[in-house]
Protein backbone atom coordinates (compact mmCIF):
# COMPACT_ATOMS: atom_id res chain seq x y z
CA UNK A 1 1.90 5.05 -5.08
CA UNK A 2 5.05 6.88 -4.13
CA UNK A 3 6.87 7.42 -0.85
CA UNK A 4 10.36 8.66 -0.15
CA UNK A 5 12.36 7.63 -3.21
CA UNK A 6 10.27 4.52 -3.92
CA UNK A 7 7.32 3.81 -6.17
CA UNK A 8 4.86 0.91 -6.27
CA UNK A 9 1.80 0.07 -8.35
CA UNK A 10 -1.41 -1.26 -6.86
CA UNK A 11 -1.82 -4.90 -7.95
CA UNK A 12 -5.04 -5.76 -6.08
CA UNK A 13 -7.60 -4.28 -3.73
CA UNK A 14 -9.88 -5.99 -1.27
CA UNK A 15 -13.58 -5.20 -1.69
CA UNK A 16 -13.66 -3.14 1.53
CA UNK A 17 -10.30 -1.35 1.32
CA UNK A 18 -11.68 2.18 0.86
CA UNK A 19 -14.63 1.53 3.20
CA UNK A 20 -12.11 0.56 5.90
CA UNK A 21 -10.27 3.83 5.31
CA UNK A 22 -13.49 5.79 5.55
CA UNK A 23 -15.01 3.91 8.51
CA UNK A 24 -11.91 3.12 10.60
CA UNK A 25 -9.31 5.55 9.30
CA UNK A 26 -6.86 2.80 8.39
CA UNK A 27 -5.55 1.01 5.30
CA UNK A 28 -3.46 -2.15 5.14
CA UNK A 29 -0.82 -2.18 2.39
CA UNK A 30 0.91 -5.45 1.45
CA UNK A 31 4.19 -4.94 -0.40
CA UNK A 32 4.50 -8.44 -1.90
CA UNK A 33 3.03 -7.89 -5.36
CA UNK A 34 0.12 -10.30 -4.84
CA UNK A 35 -2.36 -10.51 -7.74
CA UNK A 36 -5.33 -10.73 -5.33
CA UNK A 37 -6.06 -9.47 -1.82
CA UNK A 38 -6.44 -12.10 0.91
CA UNK A 39 -8.21 -9.71 3.30
CA UNK A 40 -11.20 -7.49 2.48
CA UNK A 41 -9.47 -4.28 3.59
CA UNK A 42 -6.06 -5.00 2.03
CA UNK A 43 -4.38 -3.08 -0.80
CA UNK A 44 -1.60 -5.06 -2.51
CA UNK A 45 1.22 -3.27 -4.31
CA UNK A 46 4.25 -4.36 -6.32
CA UNK A 47 7.02 -6.01 -4.35
CA UNK A 48 9.56 -3.73 -2.72
CA UNK A 49 12.69 -5.12 -1.01
CA UNK A 50 12.41 -5.13 2.78
CA UNK A 51 15.57 -3.08 3.30
CA UNK A 52 14.13 -0.37 1.03
CA UNK A 53 10.85 -0.38 2.98
CA UNK A 54 12.66 -0.02 6.33
CA UNK A 55 14.72 2.86 4.96
CA UNK A 56 11.85 4.72 3.26
CA UNK A 57 8.84 4.11 5.54
CA UNK A 58 9.63 6.05 8.68
CA UNK A 59 7.49 8.44 10.74
CA UNK A 60 6.89 11.60 8.75
CA UNK A 61 7.13 9.89 5.33
CA UNK A 62 4.43 11.12 2.96
CA UNK A 63 2.56 8.49 0.93
CA UNK A 64 1.08 9.63 -2.36
CA UNK A 65 -1.46 7.65 -4.40
CA UNK A 66 -1.80 8.74 -8.02
CA UNK A 67 -3.86 7.52 -10.94
CA UNK A 68 -1.90 6.06 -13.82
């Protein structure tokens, strides 16, 4: 997954993450690098420092999910 100048790898996905996107139009990303998702609709990605997230994730930022 890439956004701005940052990259992160998906580390875990809840069993309903894509169903939530389809049904509700939303996805929850957790940027802590967790090896398992605590919530059924959560997608966990590698840890990114908070200051980098605040700088990169602003309105208008494009998120891109790619296969490895």
